[in-house]
Amino acid sequence: MTLKTAVVTGGGTGIGRDISLLLASRGYKVYATGRNLEPLEVTAKMSVDGLIIPVQMDVSDPASIRRALTDIKSVDALVANAGICLQAALDDDNADEVWHNVMKTNVDGVWYLFRALHDRFTDNARAVIVSSGLGKLGRPAYGAYTASKHAVLGLAKCFSKELAERNITVNAVCPGWVETDMARRDLVRTAGIHGTTPEQEYAKAVENIPLHRFVQPDEVAALIGFLLSEEAGAITGQAYNISCGEFFA
């Protein structure tokens, strides 16, 4: 029996790790990609079925994508999850550098990925782009990240129209605060700016969330897993919030 093939970018940690493990448990051969090989290898070892293949790849570099994925003949599921979150206010000296770095990974990376793989999608394939709650909202000093996550929602809508003739669906998910290393780093940075502690910043964040907690990575993976399923065949071009009720936009 031929296994279905999935590609998950940013598969070494957080949401990417959990969706890689979920897809492997469903019998997919999963190419989990990322810049650093070590966390990808950890993800692969966590799969009891041995179906996760760690692949070192930089989504911001189209040549790296071509080299890393050259042996993949067909793709049944794609999760464009790789992304970075950097803060910079308008008057910060490094604001332009932050802008270019964030856009290069978060927007160019999604574009390059679909450019490289669109003609290898099987008919009825599924794709999900991981955006963010800040793809619908805004926050001071998050201009680059917010713009990048708005941008990929636009790409999801465009790609869903472009690929619809082959019954390929493209959707996006917009998580709020998720219990990941990225979120923890963000709390540390914010605490440094405000002269507080990460624990205090966490308390402030959950105060504004109706369920008073962060989303868990496996909860986001479960939503993505549904959007990649046969049952979600009538859903395309949509952006789903998962935020413990933090926002409704």
Protein backbone atom coordinates (compact mmCIF):
# COMPACT_ATOMS: atom_id res chain seq x y z
CA MET A 1 0.00 0.00 0.00
CA THR A 2 1.32 3.45 -0.98
CA LEU A 3 1.52 5.89 1.92
CA LYS A 4 0.20 9.41 1.58
CA THR A 5 2.90 12.07 1.77
CA ALA A 6 2.86 15.18 3.95
CA VAL A 7 5.29 18.09 4.23
CA VAL A 8 5.36 20.09 7.47
CA THR A 9 7.63 23.11 7.78
CA GLY A 10 8.84 24.09 11.24
CA GLY A 11 8.34 20.46 12.25
CA GLY A 12 10.89 20.40 15.05
CA THR A 13 8.96 22.15 17.81
CA GLY A 14 5.55 23.32 18.99
CA ILE A 15 2.64 23.14 16.56
CA GLY A 16 4.84 21.71 13.80
CA ARG A 17 5.98 18.82 15.97
CA ASP A 18 2.44 17.99 17.07
CA ILE A 19 0.96 18.03 13.57
CA SER A 20 3.86 15.91 12.29
CA LEU A 21 3.16 13.32 14.98
CA LEU A 22 -0.58 13.44 14.31
CA LEU A 23 -0.15 12.89 10.58
CA ALA A 24 2.31 10.05 11.16
CA SER A 25 -0.23 8.41 13.48
CA ARG A 26 -2.71 8.59 10.58
CA GLY A 27 -0.30 6.74 8.33
CA TYR A 28 1.27 9.64 6.41
CA LYS A 29 4.91 9.63 5.46
CA VAL A 30 5.85 13.01 6.93
CA TYR A 31 8.75 15.18 5.80
CA ALA A 32 9.30 17.42 8.83
CA THR A 33 11.49 20.35 7.83
CA GLY A 34 13.34 23.11 9.63
CA ARG A 35 16.57 25.06 9.79
CA ASN A 36 18.00 23.02 12.67
CA LEU A 37 18.26 19.26 12.27
CA GLU A 38 18.47 18.28 15.95
CA PRO A 39 14.87 19.12 16.99
CA LEU A 40 13.60 17.48 13.80
CA GLU A 41 15.41 14.29 14.73
CA VAL A 42 13.77 14.44 18.15
CA THR A 43 10.37 14.73 16.45
CA ALA A 44 11.19 11.74 14.26
CA LYS A 45 12.18 9.61 17.27
CA MET A 46 8.87 10.45 18.97
CA SER A 47 6.94 8.75 16.16
CA VAL A 48 6.36 5.11 17.07
CA ASP A 49 5.68 4.26 13.43
CA GLY A 50 8.97 5.68 12.15
CA LEU A 51 7.14 7.62 9.45
CA ILE A 52 8.68 11.05 10.11
CA ILE A 53 11.68 12.00 8.00
CA PRO A 54 13.70 14.97 9.32
CA VAL A 55 14.78 17.35 6.55
CA GLN A 56 17.02 20.37 7.09
CA MET A 57 15.65 23.25 5.03
CA ASP A 58 15.40 27.03 5.12
CA VAL A 59 12.02 28.20 3.79
CA SER A 60 13.37 31.69 3.16
CA ASP A 61 15.77 30.26 0.55
CA PRO A 62 14.12 28.83 -2.60
CA ALA A 63 17.29 26.95 -3.53
CA SER A 64 17.27 25.25 -0.12
CA ILE A 65 13.64 24.20 -0.66
CA ARG A 66 14.40 22.77 -4.09
CA ARG A 67 17.39 20.79 -2.79
CA ALA A 68 15.63 19.49 0.31
CA LEU A 69 12.42 18.38 -1.38
CA THR A 70 13.77 17.25 -4.74
CA ASP A 71 13.04 13.55 -4.12
CA ILE A 72 9.39 14.08 -3.20
CA LYS A 73 7.28 13.08 -6.18
CA SER A 74 3.82 13.91 -4.83
CA VAL A 75 2.29 15.75 -1.88
CA ASP A 76 -1.08 14.93 -0.34
CA ALA A 77 -0.87 17.32 2.62
CA LEU A 78 1.13 20.49 3.24
CA VAL A 79 1.38 22.46 6.47
CA ALA A 80 3.19 25.78 6.03
CA ASN A 81 3.99 26.32 9.68
CA ALA A 82 7.54 27.74 9.80
CA GLY A 83 7.68 31.27 11.11
CA ILE A 84 9.52 33.70 13.35
CA CYS A 85 8.20 36.37 15.72
CA LEU A 86 10.38 39.42 16.34
CA GLN A 87 9.39 42.70 17.96
CA ALA A 88 10.42 46.18 16.83
CA ALA A 89 8.71 49.53 17.28
CA LEU A 90 8.90 52.23 14.62
CA ASP A 91 11.65 54.09 16.45
CA ASP A 92 13.84 51.04 17.15
CA ASP A 93 17.22 51.11 15.41
CA ASN A 94 16.79 47.54 14.17
CA ALA A 95 13.22 47.98 12.91
CA ASP A 96 14.11 47.66 9.21
CA GLU A 97 16.23 44.57 9.85
CA VAL A 98 13.41 42.97 11.84
CA TRP A 99 10.94 43.80 9.06
CA HIS A 100 13.04 42.16 6.35
CA ASN A 101 13.89 39.07 8.41
CA VAL A 102 10.30 38.43 9.44
CA MET A 103 8.86 38.96 5.96
CA LYS A 104 11.56 36.78 4.39
CA THR A 105 10.64 33.78 6.54
CA ASN A 106 6.93 34.26 7.19
CA VAL A 107 5.75 35.50 3.78
CA ASP A 108 8.44 34.69 1.22
CA GLY A 109 8.79 31.26 2.83
CA VAL A 110 5.13 30.40 2.21
CA TRP A 111 5.30 31.73 -1.34
CA TYR A 112 8.47 29.78 -2.17
CA LEU A 113 7.02 26.61 -0.64
CA PHE A 114 3.85 26.69 -2.74
CA ARG A 115 5.86 27.63 -5.83
CA ALA A 116 8.08 24.58 -5.31
CA LEU A 117 5.31 22.09 -4.55
CA HIS A 118 2.12 23.21 -6.30
CA ASP A 119 2.70 21.00 -9.34
CA ARG A 120 3.40 18.02 -7.08
CA PHE A 121 0.12 18.27 -5.21
CA THR A 122 -2.10 15.28 -5.87
CA ASP A 123 -5.68 15.94 -6.90
CA ASN A 124 -7.77 16.41 -3.73
CA ALA A 125 -4.66 17.43 -1.74
CA ARG A 126 -5.00 19.58 1.36
CA ALA A 127 -2.88 22.53 2.50
CA VAL A 128 -2.96 24.62 5.66
CA ILE A 129 -1.03 27.82 6.34
CA VAL A 130 -0.39 28.69 9.98
CA SER A 131 -1.13 32.40 10.43
CA SER A 132 -1.88 33.97 13.82
CA GLY A 133 -4.44 35.95 15.76
CA LEU A 134 -2.27 38.91 14.76
CA GLY A 135 -3.18 38.06 11.17
CA LYS A 136 -6.54 39.62 12.04
CA LEU A 137 -5.62 42.07 14.79
CA GLY A 138 -2.72 44.39 15.62
CA ARG A 139 -0.35 44.98 18.51
CA PRO A 140 2.23 47.74 19.18
CA ALA A 141 5.80 46.81 18.22
CA TYR A 142 4.59 43.77 16.25
CA GLY A 143 4.27 45.56 12.90
CA ALA A 144 6.44 43.14 10.92
CA TYR A 145 4.93 39.99 12.42
CA THR A 146 1.38 41.32 12.15
CA ALA A 147 1.84 42.35 8.52
CA SER A 148 3.37 38.98 7.68
CA LYS A 149 0.47 37.07 9.20
CA HIS A 150 -2.09 39.27 7.42
CA ALA A 151 -0.21 38.61 4.19
CA VAL A 152 -0.37 34.83 4.38
CA LEU A 153 -4.14 34.98 4.86
CA GLY A 154 -4.22 36.70 1.49
CA LEU A 155 -2.05 33.96 0.02
CA ALA A 156 -4.38 31.27 1.40
CA LYS A 157 -7.35 32.92 -0.32
CA CYS A 158 -5.49 33.28 -3.62
CA PHE A 159 -4.05 29.76 -3.59
CA SER A 160 -7.46 28.30 -2.76
CA LYS A 161 -8.86 29.87 -5.94
CA GLU A 162 -5.85 28.90 -8.07
CA LEU A 163 -5.86 25.25 -7.05
CA ALA A 164 -9.61 24.68 -6.83
CA GLU A 165 -9.86 23.12 -10.30
CA ARG A 166 -7.95 20.12 -8.98
CA ASN A 167 -10.13 19.95 -5.87
CA ILE A 168 -7.18 21.05 -3.72
CA THR A 169 -8.16 22.97 -0.59
CA VAL A 170 -6.08 25.67 1.06
CA ASN A 171 -7.01 27.07 4.46
CA ALA A 172 -5.37 28.94 7.32
CA VAL A 173 -5.46 28.74 11.09
CA CYS A 174 -5.07 31.74 13.38
CA PRO A 175 -3.90 30.71 16.84
CA GLY A 176 -3.89 33.09 19.77
CA TRP A 177 -1.34 32.57 22.54
CA VAL A 178 -0.02 28.99 22.27
CA GLU A 179 2.07 27.23 24.92
CA THR A 180 5.26 27.01 22.82
CA ASP A 181 8.92 28.00 23.04
CA MET A 182 8.14 30.93 20.72
CA ALA A 183 5.50 32.23 23.13
CA ARG A 184 7.83 31.81 26.09
CA ARG A 185 10.57 33.78 24.30
CA ASP A 186 8.02 36.46 23.50
CA LEU A 187 7.03 36.74 27.17
CA VAL A 188 10.70 37.08 28.14
CA ARG A 189 11.21 39.88 25.58
CA THR A 190 8.05 41.69 26.67
CA ALA A 191 9.04 41.39 30.32
CA GLY A 192 12.40 42.96 29.49
CA ILE A 193 10.67 45.91 27.83
CA HIS A 194 8.19 46.44 30.67
CA GLY A 195 10.59 45.74 33.53
CA THR A 196 8.45 42.83 34.71
CA THR A 197 8.89 39.05 34.82
CA PRO A 198 7.72 36.48 32.23
CA GLU A 199 5.34 35.10 34.86
CA GLN A 200 3.75 38.52 35.30
CA GLU A 201 3.40 38.92 31.53
CA TYR A 202 1.77 35.48 31.33
CA ALA A 203 -0.70 36.46 34.07
CA LYS A 204 -1.57 39.66 32.17
CA ALA A 205 -2.08 37.70 28.96
CA VAL A 206 -4.41 35.06 30.40
CA GLU A 207 -6.39 37.77 32.21
CA ASN A 208 -7.67 38.88 28.79
CA ILE A 209 -8.48 35.34 27.60
CA PRO A 210 -12.00 34.12 28.47
CA LEU A 211 -10.79 30.55 29.15
CA HIS A 212 -7.87 31.96 31.17
CA ARG A 213 -5.20 29.80 29.56
CA PHE A 214 -3.03 29.48 26.48
CA VAL A 215 -3.94 27.13 23.64
CA GLN A 216 -1.97 23.86 23.62
CA PRO A 217 -0.01 22.91 20.47
CA ASP A 218 -1.89 19.62 20.12
CA GLU A 219 -5.18 21.56 20.05
CA VAL A 220 -3.96 23.57 17.06
CA ALA A 221 -2.70 20.34 15.48
CA ALA A 222 -6.15 18.80 15.90
CA LEU A 223 -7.76 21.70 14.02
CA ILE A 224 -5.16 21.46 11.26
CA GLY A 225 -5.66 17.71 11.16
CA PHE A 226 -9.37 18.20 10.53
CA LEU A 227 -8.71 20.68 7.72
CA LEU A 228 -6.39 18.10 6.12
CA SER A 229 -9.01 15.35 6.32
CA GLU A 230 -11.42 14.07 3.67
CA GLU A 231 -14.29 15.37 5.82
CA ALA A 232 -13.09 18.95 5.25
CA GLY A 233 -13.34 18.72 1.47
CA ALA A 234 -15.93 21.51 1.23
CA ILE A 235 -13.81 23.98 3.22
CA THR A 236 -11.32 26.17 1.37
CA GLY A 237 -10.07 29.74 1.48
CA GLN A 238 -11.02 30.07 5.15
CA ALA A 239 -9.13 31.28 8.24
CA TYR A 240 -10.03 29.62 11.53
CA ASN A 241 -9.43 31.20 14.94
CA ILE A 242 -8.26 29.05 17.84
CA SER A 243 -7.61 31.32 20.79
CA CYS A 244 -9.52 30.18 23.91
CA GLY A 245 -11.95 32.98 23.06
CA GLU A 246 -9.36 35.77 23.00
CA PHE A 247 -10.59 37.24 19.71
CA PHE A 248 -13.46 36.86 17.27
CA ALA A 249 -12.34 38.81 14.19
